[in-house]
C-alpha atoms as a PDB file:
ATOM      1  CA  MET A   1      10.620  28.645  10.220  1.00  0.00           C
ATOM      2  CA  MET A   2       8.020  29.795  12.716  1.00  0.00           C
ATOM      3  CA  GLU A   3       4.554  28.372  12.390  1.00  0.00           C
ATOM      4  CA  THR A   4       1.731  30.776  11.577  1.00  0.00           C
ATOM      5  CA  LYS A   5      -1.969  30.269  11.058  1.00  0.00           C
ATOM      6  CA  GLU A   6      -1.300  30.796   7.345  1.00  0.00           C
ATOM      7  CA  LYS A   7       1.349  28.080   7.125  1.00  0.00           C
ATOM      8  CA  LYS A   8      -0.007  24.727   8.215  1.00  0.00           C
ATOM      9  CA  VAL A   9       2.012  21.679   7.234  1.00  0.00           C
ATOM     10  CA  ALA A  10       0.503  18.218   6.661  1.00  0.00           C
ATOM     11  CA  LEU A  11       1.812  14.791   5.733  1.00  0.00           C
ATOM     12  CA  VAL A  12      -0.650  12.325   4.181  1.00  0.00           C
ATOM     13  CA  SER A  13       0.377   8.706   3.653  1.00  0.00           C
ATOM     14  CA  GLY A  14      -1.074   6.763   0.735  1.00  0.00           C
ATOM     15  CA  ALA A  15      -2.053  10.090  -0.847  1.00  0.00           C
ATOM     16  CA  ASN A  16      -1.642   9.309  -4.531  1.00  0.00           C
ATOM     17  CA  THR A  17      -5.070   7.701  -4.952  1.00  0.00           C
ATOM     18  CA  GLY A  18      -8.474   7.102  -3.374  1.00  0.00           C
ATOM     19  CA  VAL A  19      -9.459   8.641  -0.060  1.00  0.00           C
ATOM     20  CA  GLY A  20      -5.885   9.730   0.642  1.00  0.00           C
ATOM     21  CA  PHE A  21      -5.821  11.757  -2.585  1.00  0.00           C
ATOM     22  CA  GLN A  22      -9.108  13.453  -1.713  1.00  0.00           C
ATOM     23  CA  ILE A  23      -7.910  14.349   1.786  1.00  0.00           C
ATOM     24  CA  ALA A  24      -4.609  15.736   0.529  1.00  0.00           C
ATOM     25  CA  LYS A  25      -6.341  17.787  -2.166  1.00  0.00           C
ATOM     26  CA  ALA A  26      -8.821  19.223   0.350  1.00  0.00           C
ATOM     27  CA  LEU A  27      -5.965  20.214   2.646  1.00  0.00           C
ATOM     28  CA  ALA A  28      -4.115  21.868  -0.240  1.00  0.00           C
ATOM     29  CA  ASP A  29      -7.311  23.679  -1.244  1.00  0.00           C
ATOM     30  CA  ASN A  30      -7.537  24.983   2.317  1.00  0.00           C
ATOM     31  CA  GLY A  31      -4.059  26.455   2.350  1.00  0.00           C
ATOM     32  CA  TYR A  32      -1.984  23.626   3.818  1.00  0.00           C
ATOM     33  CA  VAL A  33       1.475  22.739   2.640  1.00  0.00           C
ATOM     34  CA  VAL A  34       0.888  19.056   1.902  1.00  0.00           C
ATOM     35  CA  TYR A  35       3.517  16.351   1.659  1.00  0.00           C
ATOM     36  CA  VAL A  36       1.929  13.766  -0.639  1.00  0.00           C
ATOM     37  CA  GLY A  37       3.179  10.378   0.545  1.00  0.00           C
ATOM     38  CA  SER A  38       3.252   7.585  -2.013  1.00  0.00           C
ATOM     39  CA  ARG A  39       5.186   4.307  -2.295  1.00  0.00           C
ATOM     40  CA  SER A  40       5.825   5.268  -5.923  1.00  0.00           C
ATOM     41  CA  LEU A  41       7.410   8.697  -6.207  1.00  0.00           C
ATOM     42  CA  GLU A  42       6.288   9.017  -9.830  1.00  0.00           C
ATOM     43  CA  LYS A  43       2.652   8.360  -8.896  1.00  0.00           C
ATOM     44  CA  GLY A  44       3.030  10.818  -6.020  1.00  0.00           C
ATOM     45  CA  LYS A  45       4.362  13.500  -8.367  1.00  0.00           C
ATOM     46  CA  ALA A  46       1.462  12.967 -10.774  1.00  0.00           C
ATOM     47  CA  ALA A  47      -1.037  13.195  -7.906  1.00  0.00           C
ATOM     48  CA  ALA A  48       0.563  16.344  -6.479  1.00  0.00           C
ATOM     49  CA  MET A  49       0.486  18.000  -9.892  1.00  0.00           C
ATOM     50  CA  GLU A  50      -3.210  17.178 -10.221  1.00  0.00           C
ATOM     51  CA  MET A  51      -3.956  18.518  -6.727  1.00  0.00           C
ATOM     52  CA  GLY A  52      -2.237  21.848  -7.247  1.00  0.00           C
ATOM     53  CA  GLY A  53      -1.550  24.182  -4.351  1.00  0.00           C
ATOM     54  CA  GLU A  54       1.528  23.782  -2.162  1.00  0.00           C
ATOM     55  CA  THR A  55       1.920  20.034  -2.564  1.00  0.00           C
ATOM     56  CA  LYS A  56       5.201  18.134  -2.395  1.00  0.00           C
ATOM     57  CA  ALA A  57       5.436  14.503  -3.500  1.00  0.00           C
ATOM     58  CA  VAL A  58       7.557  12.282  -1.239  1.00  0.00           C
ATOM     59  CA  GLN A  59       8.420   8.610  -1.546  1.00  0.00           C
ATOM     60  CA  LEU A  60       6.903   6.991   1.544  1.00  0.00           C
ATOM     61  CA  ASP A  61       6.618   3.297   2.338  1.00  0.00           C
ATOM     62  CA  ILE A  62       5.395   3.027   5.922  1.00  0.00           C
ATOM     63  CA  THR A  63       6.867  -0.484   6.243  1.00  0.00           C
ATOM     64  CA  ASP A  64      10.351   0.854   5.442  1.00  0.00           C
ATOM     65  CA  GLU A  65      12.111   2.643   8.304  1.00  0.00           C
ATOM     66  CA  ASN A  66      14.598   4.307   5.931  1.00  0.00           C
ATOM     67  CA  SER A  67      11.745   5.685   3.834  1.00  0.00           C
ATOM     68  CA  ILE A  68       9.999   7.036   6.940  1.00  0.00           C
ATOM     69  CA  GLN A  69      13.148   8.665   8.292  1.00  0.00           C
ATOM     70  CA  ALA A  70      13.934  10.310   4.950  1.00  0.00           C
ATOM     71  CA  VAL A  71      10.507  11.991   4.886  1.00  0.00           C
ATOM     72  CA  VAL A  72      10.737  13.095   8.520  1.00  0.00           C
ATOM     73  CA  LYS A  73      14.200  14.578   7.956  1.00  0.00           C
ATOM     74  CA  LEU A  74      12.962  16.432   4.876  1.00  0.00           C
ATOM     75  CA  ILE A  75      10.033  18.011   6.745  1.00  0.00           C
ATOM     76  CA  GLU A  76      12.312  18.865   9.665  1.00  0.00           C
ATOM     77  CA  ALA A  77      14.785  20.580   7.340  1.00  0.00           C
ATOM     78  CA  GLU A  78      12.132  22.496   5.403  1.00  0.00           C
ATOM     79  CA  TYR A  79       9.742  23.514   8.209  1.00  0.00           C
ATOM     80  CA  GLY A  80      10.861  22.114  11.552  1.00  0.00           C
ATOM     81  CA  TYR A  81       7.334  21.157  12.585  1.00  0.00           C
ATOM     82  CA  LEU A  82       4.245  19.278  11.431  1.00  0.00           C
ATOM     83  CA  SER A  83       0.695  20.516  11.999  1.00  0.00           C
ATOM     84  CA  LEU A  84      -1.160  17.422  10.839  1.00  0.00           C
ATOM     85  CA  LEU A  85      -0.355  13.775  10.165  1.00  0.00           C
ATOM     86  CA  VAL A  86      -2.956  11.826   8.196  1.00  0.00           C
ATOM     87  CA  ASN A  87      -2.403   8.071   8.402  1.00  0.00           C
ATOM     88  CA  ASN A  88      -4.213   6.783   5.339  1.00  0.00           C
ATOM     89  CA  ALA A  89      -1.945   4.118   3.826  1.00  0.00           C
ATOM     90  CA  ALA A  90      -3.375   0.608   4.210  1.00  0.00           C
ATOM     91  CA  ILE A  91      -3.750  -2.704   2.410  1.00  0.00           C
ATOM     92  CA  SER A  92      -6.535  -5.287   2.607  1.00  0.00           C
ATOM     93  CA  HIS A  93      -4.690  -8.430   1.513  1.00  0.00           C
ATOM     94  CA  VAL A  94      -1.454  -9.676  -0.012  1.00  0.00           C
ATOM     95  CA  GLY A  95      -2.852 -12.760  -1.703  1.00  0.00           C
ATOM     96  CA  LYS A  96      -3.654 -13.456  -5.348  1.00  0.00           C
ATOM     97  CA  ALA A  97      -4.578 -10.349  -7.321  1.00  0.00           C
ATOM     98  CA  GLY A  98      -7.876 -10.013  -9.183  1.00  0.00           C
ATOM     99  CA  ARG A  99     -10.071 -11.755  -6.617  1.00  0.00           C
ATOM    100  CA  THR A 100     -13.482 -10.399  -5.691  1.00  0.00           C
ATOM    101  CA  MET A 101     -14.059  -8.940  -2.252  1.00  0.00           C
ATOM    102  CA  GLU A 102     -16.064 -12.039  -1.318  1.00  0.00           C
ATOM    103  CA  GLU A 103     -13.210 -14.341  -2.342  1.00  0.00           C
ATOM    104  CA  VAL A 104     -10.709 -12.322  -0.301  1.00  0.00           C
ATOM    105  CA  LEU A 105     -12.957 -12.324   2.774  1.00  0.00           C
ATOM    106  CA  GLY A 106     -13.485 -16.062   2.463  1.00  0.00           C
ATOM    107  CA  ALA A 107      -9.736 -16.635   2.478  1.00  0.00           C
ATOM    108  CA  GLN A 108      -9.246 -14.331   5.476  1.00  0.00           C
ATOM    109  CA  ARG A 109     -11.595 -16.028   7.945  1.00  0.00           C
ATOM    110  CA  ALA A 110      -9.887 -16.752  11.248  1.00  0.00           C
ATOM    111  CA  SER A 111     -10.095 -20.511  10.700  1.00  0.00           C
ATOM    112  CA  VAL A 112      -8.160 -20.468   7.437  1.00  0.00           C
ATOM    113  CA  ALA A 113      -6.262 -17.172   7.159  1.00  0.00           C
ATOM    114  CA  PRO A 114      -2.591 -17.745   6.229  1.00  0.00           C
ATOM    115  CA  ILE A 115      -0.558 -16.364   9.123  1.00  0.00           C
ATOM    116  CA  ASP A 116       2.117 -14.927   6.837  1.00  0.00           C
ATOM    117  CA  GLU A 117      -0.537 -12.933   4.938  1.00  0.00           C
ATOM    118  CA  MET A 118      -2.042 -11.757   8.214  1.00  0.00           C
ATOM    119  CA  ARG A 119       1.393 -10.578   9.381  1.00  0.00           C
ATOM    120  CA  ALA A 120       1.942  -8.717   6.098  1.00  0.00           C
ATOM    121  CA  VAL A 121      -1.353  -6.827   6.308  1.00  0.00           C
ATOM    122  CA  TRP A 122      -0.883  -5.970   9.973  1.00  0.00           C
ATOM    123  CA  ASP A 123       2.695  -4.889   9.225  1.00  0.00           C
ATOM    124  CA  THR A 124       1.277  -2.095   7.071  1.00  0.00           C
ATOM    125  CA  ASN A 125      -2.034  -1.297   8.751  1.00  0.00           C
ATOM    126  CA  VAL A 126      -0.906  -1.469  12.369  1.00  0.00           C
ATOM    127  CA  PHE A 127       2.867  -1.537  12.808  1.00  0.00           C
ATOM    128  CA  GLY A 128       3.733   0.654   9.822  1.00  0.00           C
ATOM    129  CA  THR A 129       1.106   3.222  10.768  1.00  0.00           C
ATOM    130  CA  LEU A 130       2.433   3.398  14.319  1.00  0.00           C
ATOM    131  CA  ALA A 131       6.052   3.526  13.114  1.00  0.00           C
ATOM    132  CA  LEU A 132       5.293   6.572  10.952  1.00  0.00           C
ATOM    133  CA  THR A 133       3.398   8.204  13.813  1.00  0.00           C
ATOM    134  CA  GLN A 134       6.187   7.649  16.310  1.00  0.00           C
ATOM    135  CA  ALA A 135       8.714   9.116  13.871  1.00  0.00           C
ATOM    136  CA  CYS A 136       6.536  12.201  13.293  1.00  0.00           C
ATOM    137  CA  LEU A 137       5.741  12.889  16.966  1.00  0.00           C
ATOM    138  CA  PRO A 138       8.790  15.120  17.579  1.00  0.00           C
ATOM    139  CA  LEU A 139       7.718  17.313  14.639  1.00  0.00           C
ATOM    140  CA  LEU A 140       4.111  17.352  15.834  1.00  0.00           C
ATOM    141  CA  HIS A 141       5.246  18.449  19.287  1.00  0.00           C
ATOM    142  CA  GLN A 142       7.031  21.405  17.655  1.00  0.00           C
ATOM    143  CA  SER A 143       3.679  22.699  16.409  1.00  0.00           C
ATOM    144  CA  THR A 144       1.592  24.979  18.604  1.00  0.00           C
ATOM    145  CA  SER A 145      -1.441  22.770  18.008  1.00  0.00           C
ATOM    146  CA  ALA A 146      -1.119  19.485  16.132  1.00  0.00           C
ATOM    147  CA  ARG A 147      -3.374  16.613  15.148  1.00  0.00           C
ATOM    148  CA  ILE A 148      -3.073  12.988  14.079  1.00  0.00           C
ATOM    149  CA  VAL A 149      -5.946  11.722  11.924  1.00  0.00           C
ATOM    150  CA  THR A 150      -5.886   7.990  11.263  1.00  0.00           C
ATOM    151  CA  VAL A 151      -8.185   6.492   8.650  1.00  0.00           C
ATOM    152  CA  SER A 152      -9.696   3.383  10.210  1.00  0.00           C
ATOM    153  CA  SER A 153     -12.953   1.551   9.543  1.00  0.00           C
ATOM    154  CA  ALA A 154     -16.265   0.885  11.244  1.00  0.00           C
ATOM    155  CA  LEU A 155     -15.455  -2.725  10.334  1.00  0.00           C
ATOM    156  CA  GLY A 156     -12.977  -2.634  13.222  1.00  0.00           C
ATOM    157  CA  SER A 157     -15.654  -1.873  15.828  1.00  0.00           C
ATOM    158  CA  LEU A 158     -16.012  -4.771  18.260  1.00  0.00           C
ATOM    159  CA  THR A 159     -19.342  -3.381  19.460  1.00  0.00           C
ATOM    160  CA  LEU A 160     -20.833  -3.380  15.974  1.00  0.00           C
ATOM    161  CA  ASN A 161     -19.428  -6.801  15.079  1.00  0.00           C
ATOM    162  CA  ALA A 162     -20.743  -8.352  18.285  1.00  0.00           C
ATOM    163  CA  ASN A 163     -24.262  -7.222  17.386  1.00  0.00           C
ATOM    164  CA  PRO A 164     -26.236 -10.010  15.597  1.00  0.00           C
ATOM    165  CA  GLN A 165     -28.405  -7.315  13.986  1.00  0.00           C
ATOM    166  CA  ASN A 166     -25.420  -5.877  12.112  1.00  0.00           C
ATOM    167  CA  PRO A 167     -25.784  -7.064   8.476  1.00  0.00           C
ATOM    168  CA  TYR A 168     -22.089  -6.464   7.793  1.00  0.00           C
ATOM    169  CA  ARG A 169     -20.671  -8.496  10.664  1.00  0.00           C
ATOM    170  CA  ALA A 170     -19.933 -11.450   8.344  1.00  0.00           C
ATOM    171  CA  ALA A 171     -17.317  -9.231   6.682  1.00  0.00           C
ATOM    172  CA  PHE A 172     -15.331  -8.937   9.920  1.00  0.00           C
ATOM    173  CA  ASP A 173     -12.317 -11.036   8.999  1.00  0.00           C
ATOM    174  CA  ALA A 174      -9.158 -11.849  10.926  1.00  0.00           C
ATOM    175  CA  VAL A 175      -6.810 -10.121   8.489  1.00  0.00           C
ATOM    176  CA  TYR A 176      -8.099  -6.718   7.374  1.00  0.00           C
ATOM    177  CA  GLY A 177     -11.069  -6.172   9.704  1.00  0.00           C
ATOM    178  CA  ALA A 178      -9.218  -7.210  12.838  1.00  0.00           C
ATOM    179  CA  SER A 179      -6.221  -5.101  11.768  1.00  0.00           C
ATOM    180  CA  LYS A 180      -8.502  -2.070  12.053  1.00  0.00           C
ATOM    181  CA  THR A 181      -9.598  -3.199  15.519  1.00  0.00           C
ATOM    182  CA  ALA A 182      -5.944  -3.377  16.533  1.00  0.00           C
ATOM    183  CA  LEU A 183      -5.311   0.011  14.908  1.00  0.00           C
ATOM    184  CA  ASN A 184      -8.179   1.515  16.908  1.00  0.00           C
ATOM    185  CA  GLY A 185      -6.760   0.108  20.133  1.00  0.00           C
ATOM    186  CA  VAL A 186      -3.253   1.381  19.465  1.00  0.00           C
ATOM    187  CA  PHE A 187      -4.414   4.894  18.614  1.00  0.00           C
ATOM    188  CA  LEU A 188      -6.885   5.094  21.481  1.00  0.00           C
ATOM    189  CA  SER A 189      -3.913   4.237  23.681  1.00  0.00           C
ATOM    190  CA  LEU A 190      -1.967   7.051  22.005  1.00  0.00           C
ATOM    191  CA  ALA A 191      -4.859   9.488  22.465  1.00  0.00           C
ATOM    192  CA  ASN A 192      -4.941   8.700  26.183  1.00  0.00           C
ATOM    193  CA  GLU A 193      -1.176   9.151  26.416  1.00  0.00           C
ATOM    194  CA  LEU A 194      -1.201  12.509  24.625  1.00  0.00           C
ATOM    195  CA  GLU A 195      -4.430  13.960  26.023  1.00  0.00           C
ATOM    196  CA  ASN A 196      -2.602  16.631  28.071  1.00  0.00           C
ATOM    197  CA  THR A 197      -0.241  17.634  25.255  1.00  0.00           C
ATOM    198  CA  ASN A 198      -0.540  19.807  22.148  1.00  0.00           C
ATOM    199  CA  VAL A 199      -1.335  16.775  19.936  1.00  0.00           C
ATOM    200  CA  LYS A 200      -4.886  15.564  19.368  1.00  0.00           C
ATOM    201  CA  VAL A 201      -5.619  12.076  18.035  1.00  0.00           C
ATOM    202  CA  HIS A 202      -8.622  11.175  15.881  1.00  0.00           C
ATOM    203  CA  LEU A 203      -9.783   7.979  14.173  1.00  0.00           C
ATOM    204  CA  VAL A 204     -12.205   8.147  11.259  1.00  0.00           C
ATOM    205  CA  SER A 205     -14.050   5.677   9.041  1.00  0.00           C
ATOM    206  CA  PRO A 206     -14.805   6.537   5.412  1.00  0.00           C
ATOM    207  CA  GLY A 207     -17.633   4.008   5.272  1.00  0.00           C
ATOM    208  CA  PHE A 208     -18.020   1.345   2.594  1.00  0.00           C
ATOM    209  CA  THR A 209     -16.148   3.220  -0.116  1.00  0.00           C
ATOM    210  CA  ALA A 210     -15.302   1.851  -3.556  1.00  0.00           C
ATOM    211  CA  THR A 211     -11.488   1.673  -3.484  1.00  0.00           C
ATOM    212  CA  ALA A 212      -8.778  -0.834  -4.303  1.00  0.00           C
ATOM    213  CA  LEU A 213      -9.120  -2.154  -0.742  1.00  0.00           C
ATOM    214  CA  ASN A 214     -12.410  -3.858  -1.666  1.00  0.00           C
ATOM    215  CA  ASN A 215     -11.827  -4.353  -5.405  1.00  0.00           C
ATOM    216  CA  PHE A 216     -13.936  -1.202  -5.978  1.00  0.00           C
ATOM    217  CA  GLN A 217     -17.053  -3.028  -4.777  1.00  0.00           C
ATOM    218  CA  GLY A 218     -17.941  -0.487  -2.079  1.00  0.00           C
ATOM    219  CA  THR A 219     -21.335   1.198  -2.223  1.00  0.00           C
ATOM    220  CA  ASP A 220     -20.059   4.768  -1.791  1.00  0.00           C
ATOM    221  CA  THR A 221     -17.993   6.732  -4.290  1.00  0.00           C
ATOM    222  CA  VAL A 222     -14.542   7.943  -3.282  1.00  0.00           C
ATOM    223  CA  GLU A 223     -15.939  11.470  -3.080  1.00  0.00           C
ATOM    224  CA  GLU A 224     -18.728  10.333  -0.735  1.00  0.00           C
ATOM    225  CA  GLY A 225     -16.361   8.235   1.360  1.00  0.00           C
ATOM    226  CA  SER A 226     -13.915  11.101   1.705  1.00  0.00           C
ATOM    227  CA  ARG A 227     -16.385  13.565   3.229  1.00  0.00           C
ATOM    228  CA  GLU A 228     -16.020  12.470   6.842  1.00  0.00           C
ATOM    229  CA  PRO A 229     -12.206  12.017   6.712  1.00  0.00           C
ATOM    230  CA  ILE A 230     -11.938  15.486   5.150  1.00  0.00           C
ATOM    231  CA  ARG A 231     -14.247  16.963   7.790  1.00  0.00           C
ATOM    232  CA  VAL A 232     -12.094  15.509  10.560  1.00  0.00           C
ATOM    233  CA  ALA A 233      -8.808  16.449   8.865  1.00  0.00           C
ATOM    234  CA  LEU A 234      -9.898  20.084   8.589  1.00  0.00           C
ATOM    235  CA  ALA A 235     -11.529  20.331  12.035  1.00  0.00           C
ATOM    236  CA  GLU A 236      -9.309  21.831  14.716  1.00  0.00           C
ATOM    237  CA  ASP A 237     -11.741  21.883  17.636  1.00  0.00           C
ATOM    238  CA  MET A 238     -12.784  18.231  17.947  1.00  0.00           C
ATOM    239  CA  PRO A 239     -12.080  16.541  21.293  1.00  0.00           C
ATOM    240  CA  THR A 240      -9.142  14.152  21.197  1.00  0.00           C
ATOM    241  CA  GLY A 241      -9.791  10.416  21.138  1.00  0.00           C
ATOM    242  CA  SER A 242     -12.705  10.605  18.695  1.00  0.00           C
ATOM    243  CA  PHE A 243     -13.834   7.730  16.454  1.00  0.00           C
ATOM    244  CA  THR A 244     -16.299   8.914  13.844  1.00  0.00           C
ATOM    245  CA  GLY A 245     -17.852   7.790  10.593  1.00  0.00           C
ATOM    246  CA  PRO A 246     -20.187   9.028   7.856  1.00  0.00           C
ATOM    247  CA  GLU A 247     -23.760   9.870   8.727  1.00  0.00           C
ATOM    248  CA  ASN A 248     -25.163   6.810   6.933  1.00  0.00           C
ATOM    249  CA  THR A 249     -23.075   4.595   9.243  1.00  0.00           C
ATOM    250  CA  ALA A 250     -22.777   6.510  12.488  1.00  0.00           C
ATOM    251  CA  GLY A 251     -25.863   8.710  12.489  1.00  0.00           C
ATOM    252  CA  ALA A 252     -26.122  12.461  12.854  1.00  0.00           C
ATOM    253  CA  GLY A 253     -23.639  12.554  15.745  1.00  0.00           C
ATOM    254  CA  TYR A 254     -20.937  10.879  13.632  1.00  0.00           C
ATOM    255  CA  ASP A 255     -19.599   8.965  16.681  1.00  0.00           C
ATOM    256  CA  LEU A 256     -18.854   5.267  16.207  1.00  0.00           C
ATOM    257  CA  PRO A 257     -18.733   2.711  19.045  1.00  0.00           C
ATOM    258  CA  TRP A 258     -15.404   1.100  19.817  1.00  0.00           C
END
């Protein structure tokens, strides 16, 4: 099938809830065919039904190579290209459920963080995200103009966390926070690699949004936290290699420091 301006195809990981749901719905509302990635196919189907539009639920676990390949093969068979990949799937911890955000952060300080838990979080947030991206690159290259939007966090900014005036720097932990730093580095590397190709690469922070990642203790609603990711996901003229965040974090220019 030939790509047209009317037929843009997107894949969103972790799209059954939270920021991922809001991004996928906005894309569907703007005429995209959206593959709604979810570890649970049933939850993905329920989310896609709620979104409406041309949405297709797919079982997607970004830590499972077979799951990734099945989704890529499906998109290849149905469209042969991908206009937009939104990397949203992430986890904040794999420890005991029901803990407050403060308890999780305390257990994830560099001096005490269990290495196996750190590996598990990075396996999703860094390695799984890159594995999905690598698998989708051939489809993205088949598009006339493609984009990769990766949901990161201002918490991963080394510049901000090195600033003693930053009131949130105590929340920069070795497990989740540093995984976002690593994610930023990997995708800046990818942006540099692809800068002369048809694929643009963007990183975006939702801000301190109330989601399952922080036990719903964030100060912004999901709708508020989704505004900047949606803006970036829909924008087609942004320069590649961007790292932006909401206005209350980044300022009017939206740019965040690495």
